[in-house]
Amino acid sequence: GKYLRIYIDKPEGITLDDCEKYHRAIQPQL
């Protein structure tokens, strides 16, 4: 299938919780 991949970062490094938080927030917008 088609994979929409979003890569995020922050100075102290991205955690799984950060990815989940971003995913839950962006999914309804897309």
Full PDB file with SEQRES, HELIX, SHEET, SSBOND, CRYST1, ORIGX, SCALE, CONECT and MASTER records, all heavy atoms in Angstrom:
SEQRES   1 A   30  GLY LYS TYR LEU ARG ILE TYR ILE ASP LYS PRO GLU GLY          
SEQRES   2 A   30  ILE THR LEU ASP ASP CYS GLU LYS TYR HIS ARG ALA ILE          
SEQRES   3 A   30  GLN PRO GLN LEU                                              
HELIX    1 AA1 LEU A   16  ILE A   26  1                                  11    
HELIX    2 AA2 GLN A   27  GLN A   29  5                                   3    
CRYST1    1.000    1.000    1.000  90.00  90.00  90.00 P 1           1          
ORIGX1      1.000000  0.000000  0.000000        0.00000                         
ORIGX2      0.000000  1.000000  0.000000        0.00000                         
ORIGX3      0.000000  0.000000  1.000000        0.00000                         
SCALE1      1.000000  0.000000  0.000000        0.00000                         
SCALE2      0.000000  1.000000  0.000000        0.00000                         
SCALE3      0.000000  0.000000  1.000000        0.00000                         
ATOM      1  N   GLY A   1       0.813  -1.215   0.000  1.00  0.00           N  
ATOM      2  CA  GLY A   1       0.000   0.000   0.000  1.00  0.00           C  
ATOM      3  C   GLY A   1       0.842   1.259   0.000  1.00  0.00           C  
ATOM      4  O   GLY A   1       2.061   1.217  -0.144  1.00  0.00           O  
ATOM      5  N   LYS A   2       0.156   2.411   0.196  1.00  0.00           N  
ATOM      6  CA  LYS A   2       0.822   3.716   0.219  1.00  0.00           C  
ATOM      7  C   LYS A   2       1.081   4.123   1.670  1.00  0.00           C  
ATOM      8  O   LYS A   2       0.149   4.204   2.473  1.00  0.00           O  
ATOM      9  CB  LYS A   2      -0.038   4.775  -0.458  1.00  0.00           C  
ATOM     10  CG  LYS A   2      -0.152   4.586  -1.946  1.00  0.00           C  
ATOM     11  CD  LYS A   2      -0.922   5.726  -2.559  1.00  0.00           C  
ATOM     12  CE  LYS A   2      -2.210   5.152  -3.108  1.00  0.00           C  
ATOM     13  NZ  LYS A   2      -3.129   6.136  -3.613  1.00  0.00           N  
ATOM     14  N   TYR A   3       2.345   4.375   1.972  1.00  0.00           N  
ATOM     15  CA  TYR A   3       2.768   4.742   3.319  1.00  0.00           C  
ATOM     16  C   TYR A   3       3.069   6.232   3.380  1.00  0.00           C  
ATOM     17  O   TYR A   3       3.955   6.715   2.676  1.00  0.00           O  
ATOM     18  CB  TYR A   3       4.032   3.976   3.713  1.00  0.00           C  
ATOM     19  CG  TYR A   3       3.787   2.520   4.009  1.00  0.00           C  
ATOM     20  CD1 TYR A   3       3.606   1.603   2.980  1.00  0.00           C  
ATOM     21  CD2 TYR A   3       3.728   2.060   5.317  1.00  0.00           C  
ATOM     22  CE1 TYR A   3       3.377   0.272   3.242  1.00  0.00           C  
ATOM     23  CE2 TYR A   3       3.503   0.719   5.590  1.00  0.00           C  
ATOM     24  CZ  TYR A   3       3.333  -0.166   4.546  1.00  0.00           C  
ATOM     25  OH  TYR A   3       3.101  -1.490   4.809  1.00  0.00           O  
ATOM     26  N   LEU A   4       2.325   6.941   4.220  1.00  0.00           N  
ATOM     27  CA  LEU A   4       2.623   8.334   4.499  1.00  0.00           C  
ATOM     28  C   LEU A   4       3.527   8.322   5.728  1.00  0.00           C  
ATOM     29  O   LEU A   4       3.116   7.912   6.811  1.00  0.00           O  
ATOM     30  CB  LEU A   4       1.350   9.129   4.772  1.00  0.00           C  
ATOM     31  CG  LEU A   4       1.534  10.614   5.090  1.00  0.00           C  
ATOM     32  CD1 LEU A   4       2.303  11.333   3.982  1.00  0.00           C  
ATOM     33  CD2 LEU A   4       0.195  11.272   5.333  1.00  0.00           C  
ATOM     34  N   ARG A   5       4.777   8.722   5.532  1.00  0.00           N  
ATOM     35  CA  ARG A   5       5.771   8.660   6.606  1.00  0.00           C  
ATOM     36  C   ARG A   5       6.168  10.069   7.020  1.00  0.00           C  
ATOM     37  O   ARG A   5       6.534  10.897   6.192  1.00  0.00           O  
ATOM     38  CB  ARG A   5       6.994   7.878   6.147  1.00  0.00           C  
ATOM     39  CG  ARG A   5       6.667   6.413   5.915  1.00  0.00           C  
ATOM     40  CD  ARG A   5       7.906   5.595   5.614  1.00  0.00           C  
ATOM     41  NE  ARG A   5       7.599   4.184   5.677  1.00  0.00           N  
ATOM     42  CZ  ARG A   5       7.565   3.373   4.618  1.00  0.00           C  
ATOM     43  NH1 ARG A   5       7.838   3.846   3.416  1.00  0.00           N  
ATOM     44  NH2 ARG A   5       7.284   2.096   4.774  1.00  0.00           N  
ATOM     45  N   ILE A   6       6.089  10.287   8.329  1.00  0.00           N  
ATOM     46  CA  ILE A   6       6.437  11.583   8.900  1.00  0.00           C  
ATOM     47  C   ILE A   6       7.569  11.345   9.900  1.00  0.00           C  
ATOM     48  O   ILE A   6       7.444  10.498  10.785  1.00  0.00           O  
ATOM     49  CB  ILE A   6       5.223  12.211   9.611  1.00  0.00           C  
ATOM     50  CG1 ILE A   6       4.060  12.370   8.623  1.00  0.00           C  
ATOM     51  CG2 ILE A   6       5.604  13.551  10.241  1.00  0.00           C  
ATOM     52  CD1 ILE A   6       2.746  12.755   9.273  1.00  0.00           C  
ATOM     53  N   TYR A   7       8.654  12.087   9.729  1.00  0.00           N  
ATOM     54  CA  TYR A   7       9.815  11.952  10.603  1.00  0.00           C  
ATOM     55  C   TYR A   7       9.946  13.212  11.446  1.00  0.00           C  
ATOM     56  O   TYR A   7       9.982  14.321  10.904  1.00  0.00           O  
ATOM     57  CB  TYR A   7      11.082  11.736   9.775  1.00  0.00           C  
ATOM     58  CG  TYR A   7      11.026  10.470   8.957  1.00  0.00           C  
ATOM     59  CD1 TYR A   7      10.583  10.490   7.636  1.00  0.00           C  
ATOM     60  CD2 TYR A   7      11.389   9.245   9.501  1.00  0.00           C  
ATOM     61  CE1 TYR A   7      10.517   9.335   6.879  1.00  0.00           C  
ATOM     62  CE2 TYR A   7      11.329   8.073   8.755  1.00  0.00           C  
ATOM     63  CZ  TYR A   7      10.883   8.128   7.446  1.00  0.00           C  
ATOM     64  OH  TYR A   7      10.817   6.969   6.708  1.00  0.00           O  
ATOM     65  N   ILE A   8      10.004  13.038  12.752  1.00  0.00           N  
ATOM     66  CA  ILE A   8      10.115  14.163  13.683  1.00  0.00           C  
ATOM     67  C   ILE A   8      11.325  13.958  14.581  1.00  0.00           C  
ATOM     68  O   ILE A   8      11.801  12.838  14.757  1.00  0.00           O  
ATOM     69  CB  ILE A   8       8.831  14.326  14.535  1.00  0.00           C  
ATOM     70  CG1 ILE A   8       8.480  13.022  15.261  1.00  0.00           C  
ATOM     71  CG2 ILE A   8       7.672  14.799  13.665  1.00  0.00           C  
ATOM     72  CD1 ILE A   8       7.297  13.121  16.230  1.00  0.00           C  
ATOM     73  N   ASP A   9      11.791  15.048  15.161  1.00  0.00           N  
ATOM     74  CA  ASP A   9      12.944  14.967  16.054  1.00  0.00           C  
ATOM     75  C   ASP A   9      12.851  16.100  17.068  1.00  0.00           C  
ATOM     76  O   ASP A   9      12.040  17.017  16.931  1.00  0.00           O  
ATOM     77  CB  ASP A   9      14.243  15.087  15.252  1.00  0.00           C  
ATOM     78  CG  ASP A   9      15.432  14.459  15.951  1.00  0.00           C  
ATOM     79  OD1 ASP A   9      15.271  13.938  17.077  1.00  0.00           O  
ATOM     80  OD2 ASP A   9      16.533  14.481  15.372  1.00  0.00           O  
ATOM     81  N   LYS A  10      13.674  16.028  18.078  1.00  0.00           N  
ATOM     82  CA  LYS A  10      13.864  17.100  19.057  1.00  0.00           C  
ATOM     83  C   LYS A  10      15.251  16.934  19.644  1.00  0.00           C  
ATOM     84  O   LYS A  10      15.843  15.850  19.539  1.00  0.00           O  
ATOM     85  CB  LYS A  10      12.759  17.106  20.122  1.00  0.00           C  
ATOM     86  CG  LYS A  10      12.708  15.901  21.019  1.00  0.00           C  
ATOM     87  CD  LYS A  10      11.541  15.999  22.005  1.00  0.00           C  
ATOM     88  CE  LYS A  10      11.566  14.799  22.938  1.00  0.00           C  
ATOM     89  NZ  LYS A  10      10.432  14.798  23.840  1.00  0.00           N  
ATOM     90  N   PRO A  11      15.810  17.981  20.226  1.00  0.00           N  
ATOM     91  CA  PRO A  11      17.209  17.932  20.677  1.00  0.00           C  
ATOM     92  C   PRO A  11      17.545  16.749  21.584  1.00  0.00           C  
ATOM     93  O   PRO A  11      18.602  16.140  21.443  1.00  0.00           O  
ATOM     94  CB  PRO A  11      17.399  19.258  21.404  1.00  0.00           C  
ATOM     95  CG  PRO A  11      16.421  20.176  20.765  1.00  0.00           C  
ATOM     96  CD  PRO A  11      15.225  19.311  20.432  1.00  0.00           C  
ATOM     97  N   GLU A  12      16.651  16.404  22.487  1.00  0.00           N  
ATOM     98  CA  GLU A  12      16.944  15.303  23.410  1.00  0.00           C  
ATOM     99  C   GLU A  12      16.531  13.944  22.869  1.00  0.00           C  
ATOM    100  O   GLU A  12      16.670  12.923  23.536  1.00  0.00           O  
ATOM    101  CB  GLU A  12      16.311  15.554  24.787  1.00  0.00           C  
ATOM    102  CG  GLU A  12      14.808  15.710  24.777  1.00  0.00           C  
ATOM    103  CD  GLU A  12      14.315  17.123  24.486  1.00  0.00           C  
ATOM    104  OE1 GLU A  12      15.089  17.992  24.044  1.00  0.00           O  
ATOM    105  OE2 GLU A  12      13.125  17.355  24.689  1.00  0.00           O  
ATOM    106  N   GLY A  13      16.053  13.910  21.636  1.00  0.00           N  
ATOM    107  CA  GLY A  13      15.654  12.660  20.992  1.00  0.00           C  
ATOM    108  C   GLY A  13      14.159  12.406  21.117  1.00  0.00           C  
ATOM    109  O   GLY A  13      13.522  12.828  22.071  1.00  0.00           O  
ATOM    110  N   ILE A  14      13.619  11.727  20.133  1.00  0.00           N  
ATOM    111  CA  ILE A  14      12.192  11.403  20.082  1.00  0.00           C  
ATOM    112  C   ILE A  14      11.944  10.077  20.787  1.00  0.00           C  
ATOM    113  O   ILE A  14      12.690   9.120  20.604  1.00  0.00           O  
ATOM    114  CB  ILE A  14      11.721  11.335  18.608  1.00  0.00           C  
ATOM    115  CG1 ILE A  14      11.673  12.728  18.012  1.00  0.00           C  
ATOM    116  CG2 ILE A  14      10.382  10.652  18.448  1.00  0.00           C  
ATOM    117  CD1 ILE A  14      10.623  13.640  18.594  1.00  0.00           C  
ATOM    118  N   THR A  15      10.882  10.041  21.572  1.00  0.00           N  
ATOM    119  CA  THR A  15      10.488   8.805  22.251  1.00  0.00           C  
ATOM    120  C   THR A  15       9.281   8.194  21.549  1.00  0.00           C  
ATOM    121  O   THR A  15       8.625   8.844  20.720  1.00  0.00           O  
ATOM    122  CB  THR A  15      10.112   9.077  23.720  1.00  0.00           C  
ATOM    123  OG1 THR A  15       8.921   9.876  23.747  1.00  0.00           O  
ATOM    124  CG2 THR A  15      11.236   9.780  24.465  1.00  0.00           C  
ATOM    125  N   LEU A  16       8.963   6.989  21.908  1.00  0.00           N  
ATOM    126  CA  LEU A  16       7.769   6.339  21.377  1.00  0.00           C  
ATOM    127  C   LEU A  16       6.521   7.119  21.776  1.00  0.00           C  
ATOM    128  O   LEU A  16       5.590   7.265  20.978  1.00  0.00           O  
ATOM    129  CB  LEU A  16       7.687   4.894  21.884  1.00  0.00           C  
ATOM    130  CG  LEU A  16       6.586   4.028  21.299  1.00  0.00           C  
ATOM    131  CD1 LEU A  16       6.660   3.971  19.784  1.00  0.00           C  
ATOM    132  CD2 LEU A  16       6.646   2.630  21.884  1.00  0.00           C  
ATOM    133  N   ASP A  17       6.506   7.660  22.982  1.00  0.00           N  
ATOM    134  CA  ASP A  17       5.370   8.474  23.428  1.00  0.00           C  
ATOM    135  C   ASP A  17       5.223   9.740  22.572  1.00  0.00           C  
ATOM    136  O   ASP A  17       4.102  10.155  22.271  1.00  0.00           O  
ATOM    137  CB  ASP A  17       5.521   8.865  24.898  1.00  0.00           C  
ATOM    138  CG  ASP A  17       5.295   7.702  25.852  1.00  0.00           C  
ATOM    139  OD1 ASP A  17       4.659   6.705  25.449  1.00  0.00           O  
ATOM    140  OD2 ASP A  17       5.749   7.789  27.009  1.00  0.00           O  
ATOM    141  N   ASP A  18       6.341  10.344  22.180  1.00  0.00           N  
ATOM    142  CA  ASP A  18       6.296  11.514  21.302  1.00  0.00           C  
ATOM    143  C   ASP A  18       5.670  11.151  19.958  1.00  0.00           C  
ATOM    144  O   ASP A  18       4.824  11.883  19.440  1.00  0.00           O  
ATOM    145  CB  ASP A  18       7.697  12.071  21.047  1.00  0.00           C  
ATOM    146  CG  ASP A  18       8.366  12.651  22.278  1.00  0.00           C  
ATOM    147  OD1 ASP A  18       7.654  13.144  23.173  1.00  0.00           O  
ATOM    148  OD2 ASP A  18       9.616  12.616  22.325  1.00  0.00           O  
ATOM    149  N   CYS A  19       6.086  10.019  19.399  1.00  0.00           N  
ATOM    150  CA  CYS A  19       5.546   9.575  18.110  1.00  0.00           C  
ATOM    151  C   CYS A  19       4.049   9.305  18.210  1.00  0.00           C  
ATOM    152  O   CYS A  19       3.281   9.686  17.323  1.00  0.00           O  
ATOM    153  CB  CYS A  19       6.268   8.320  17.630  1.00  0.00           C  
ATOM    154  SG  CYS A  19       7.989   8.610  17.153  1.00  0.00           S  
ATOM    155  N   GLU A  20       3.645   8.680  19.293  1.00  0.00           N  
ATOM    156  CA  GLU A  20       2.227   8.375  19.489  1.00  0.00           C  
ATOM    157  C   GLU A  20       1.407   9.659  19.638  1.00  0.00           C  
ATOM    158  O   GLU A  20       0.336   9.806  19.039  1.00  0.00           O  
ATOM    159  CB  GLU A  20       2.032   7.496  20.716  1.00  0.00           C  
ATOM    160  CG  GLU A  20       0.590   7.125  20.954  1.00  0.00           C  
ATOM    161  CD  GLU A  20       0.382   6.252  22.181  1.00  0.00           C  
ATOM    162  OE1 GLU A  20       1.358   5.900  22.858  1.00  0.00           O  
ATOM    163  OE2 GLU A  20      -0.786   5.940  22.463  1.00  0.00           O  
ATOM    164  N   LYS A  21       1.927  10.597  20.408  1.00  0.00           N  
ATOM    165  CA  LYS A  21       1.234  11.880  20.612  1.00  0.00           C  
ATOM    166  C   LYS A  21       1.063  12.609  19.278  1.00  0.00           C  
ATOM    167  O   LYS A  21      -0.021  13.119  18.971  1.00  0.00           O  
ATOM    168  CB  LYS A  21       2.055  12.731  21.590  1.00  0.00           C  
ATOM    169  CG  LYS A  21       1.463  14.077  21.912  1.00  0.00           C  
ATOM    170  CD  LYS A  21       2.342  14.799  22.927  1.00  0.00           C  
ATOM    171  CE  LYS A  21       1.782  16.134  23.329  1.00  0.00           C  
ATOM    172  NZ  LYS A  21       2.615  16.801  24.336  1.00  0.00           N  
ATOM    173  N   TYR A  22       2.116  12.654  18.482  1.00  0.00           N  
ATOM    174  CA  TYR A  22       2.064  13.332  17.186  1.00  0.00           C  
ATOM    175  C   TYR A  22       1.100  12.599  16.248  1.00  0.00           C  
ATOM    176  O   TYR A  22       0.283  13.220  15.573  1.00  0.00           O  
ATOM    177  CB  TYR A  22       3.468  13.396  16.572  1.00  0.00           C  
ATOM    178  CG  TYR A  22       3.530  14.255  15.345  1.00  0.00           C  
ATOM    179  CD1 TYR A  22       3.879  15.584  15.427  1.00  0.00           C  
ATOM    180  CD2 TYR A  22       3.225  13.729  14.085  1.00  0.00           C  
ATOM    181  CE1 TYR A  22       3.923  16.391  14.288  1.00  0.00           C  
ATOM    182  CE2 TYR A  22       3.258  14.517  12.955  1.00  0.00           C  
ATOM    183  CZ  TYR A  22       3.607  15.844  13.068  1.00  0.00           C  
ATOM    184  OH  TYR A  22       3.634  16.634  11.948  1.00  0.00           O  
ATOM    185  N   HIS A  23       1.188  11.279  16.216  1.00  0.00           N  
ATOM    186  CA  HIS A  23       0.325  10.460  15.350  1.00  0.00           C  
ATOM    187  C   HIS A  23      -1.145  10.708  15.662  1.00  0.00           C  
ATOM    188  O   HIS A  23      -1.956  10.938  14.760  1.00  0.00           O  
ATOM    189  CB  HIS A  23       0.677   8.982  15.533  1.00  0.00           C  
ATOM    190  CG  HIS A  23      -0.016   8.068  14.580  1.00  0.00           C  
ATOM    191  ND1 HIS A  23      -1.346   7.715  14.706  1.00  0.00           N  
ATOM    192  CD2 HIS A  23       0.450   7.409  13.487  1.00  0.00           C  
ATOM    193  CE1 HIS A  23      -1.671   6.880  13.732  1.00  0.00           C  
ATOM    194  NE2 HIS A  23      -0.599   6.687  12.978  1.00  0.00           N  
ATOM    195  N   ARG A  24      -1.500  10.669  16.951  1.00  0.00           N  
ATOM    196  CA  ARG A  24      -2.900  10.876  17.357  1.00  0.00           C  
ATOM    197  C   ARG A  24      -3.401  12.278  16.992  1.00  0.00           C  
ATOM    198  O   ARG A  24      -4.560  12.460  16.668  1.00  0.00           O  
ATOM    199  CB  ARG A  24      -3.064  10.648  18.852  1.00  0.00           C  
ATOM    200  CG  ARG A  24      -2.946   9.195  19.248  1.00  0.00           C  
ATOM    201  CD  ARG A  24      -3.146   9.037  20.755  1.00  0.00           C  
ATOM    202  NE  ARG A  24      -2.860   7.704  21.183  1.00  0.00           N  
ATOM    203  CZ  ARG A  24      -3.776   6.724  21.248  1.00  0.00           C  
ATOM    204  NH1 ARG A  24      -5.015   6.979  20.898  1.00  0.00           N  
ATOM    205  NH2 ARG A  24      -3.438   5.527  21.662  1.00  0.00           N  
ATOM    206  N   ALA A  25      -2.515  13.249  17.030  1.00  0.00           N  
ATOM    207  CA  ALA A  25      -2.905  14.629  16.722  1.00  0.00           C  
ATOM    208  C   ALA A  25      -2.987  14.887  15.218  1.00  0.00           C  
ATOM    209  O   ALA A  25      -3.857  15.624  14.765  1.00  0.00           O  
ATOM    210  CB  ALA A  25      -1.929  15.606  17.373  1.00  0.00           C  
ATOM    211  N   ILE A  26      -2.105  14.280  14.431  1.00  0.00           N  
ATOM    212  CA  ILE A  26      -2.075  14.577  12.994  1.00  0.00           C  
ATOM    213  C   ILE A  26      -3.065  13.724  12.208  1.00  0.00           C  
ATOM    214  O   ILE A  26      -3.586  14.170  11.176  1.00  0.00           O  
ATOM    215  CB  ILE A  26      -0.644  14.442  12.412  1.00  0.00           C  
ATOM    216  CG1 ILE A  26      -0.528  15.171  11.059  1.00  0.00           C  
ATOM    217  CG2 ILE A  26      -0.225  12.997  12.246  1.00  0.00           C  
ATOM    218  CD1 ILE A  26      -0.644  16.651  11.109  1.00  0.00           C  
ATOM    219  N   GLN A  27      -3.343  12.531  12.647  1.00  0.00           N  
ATOM    220  CA  GLN A  27      -4.195  11.629  11.868  1.00  0.00           C  
ATOM    221  C   GLN A  27      -5.554  12.236  11.499  1.00  0.00           C  
ATOM    222  O   GLN A  27      -5.945  12.176  10.329  1.00  0.00           O  
ATOM    223  CB  GLN A  27      -4.376  10.302  12.595  1.00  0.00           C  
ATOM    224  CG  GLN A  27      -5.122   9.275  11.760  1.00  0.00           C  
ATOM    225  CD  GLN A  27      -5.205   7.932  12.436  1.00  0.00           C  
ATOM    226  OE1 GLN A  27      -5.100   7.830  13.655  1.00  0.00           O  
ATOM    227  NE2 GLN A  27      -5.391   6.900  11.649  1.00  0.00           N  
ATOM    228  N   PRO A  28      -6.288  12.858  12.433  1.00  0.00           N  
ATOM    229  CA  PRO A  28      -7.573  13.441  12.043  1.00  0.00           C  
ATOM    230  C   PRO A  28      -7.438  14.552  10.989  1.00  0.00           C  
ATOM    231  O   PRO A  28      -8.346  14.762  10.190  1.00  0.00           O  
ATOM    232  CB  PRO A  28      -8.130  14.016  13.345  1.00  0.00           C  
ATOM    233  CG  PRO A  28      -7.383  13.346  14.433  1.00  0.00           C  
ATOM    234  CD  PRO A  28      -6.052  12.975  13.868  1.00  0.00           C  
ATOM    235  N   GLN A  29      -6.308  15.228  10.972  1.00  0.00           N  
ATOM    236  CA  GLN A  29      -6.089  16.314  10.007  1.00  0.00           C  
ATOM    237  C   GLN A  29      -5.791  15.799   8.599  1.00  0.00           C  
ATOM    238  O   GLN A  29      -5.861  16.544   7.632  1.00  0.00           O  
ATOM    239  CB  GLN A  29      -4.927  17.201  10.466  1.00  0.00           C  
ATOM    240  CG  GLN A  29      -5.183  17.896  11.779  1.00  0.00           C  
ATOM    241  CD  GLN A  29      -4.000  18.775  12.165  1.00  0.00           C  
ATOM    242  OE1 GLN A  29      -3.451  19.487  11.335  1.00  0.00           O  
ATOM    243  NE2 GLN A  29      -3.612  18.720  13.419  1.00  0.00           N  
ATOM    244  N   LEU A  30      -5.432  14.507   8.505  1.00  0.00           N  
ATOM    245  CA  LEU A  30      -5.023  13.941   7.218  1.00  0.00           C  
ATOM    246  C   LEU A  30      -5.994  12.903   6.678  1.00  0.00           C  
ATOM    247  O   LEU A  30      -5.709  12.244   5.681  1.00  0.00           O  
ATOM    248  CB  LEU A  30      -3.629  13.312   7.353  1.00  0.00           C  
ATOM    249  CG  LEU A  30      -2.508  14.238   7.818  1.00  0.00           C  
ATOM    250  CD1 LEU A  30      -1.216  13.463   7.976  1.00  0.00           C  
ATOM    251  CD2 LEU A  30      -2.337  15.403   6.864  1.00  0.00           C  
TER     252      LEU A  30                                                      
MASTER        0    0    0    2    0    0    0    6  251    1    0    3          
END                                                                             
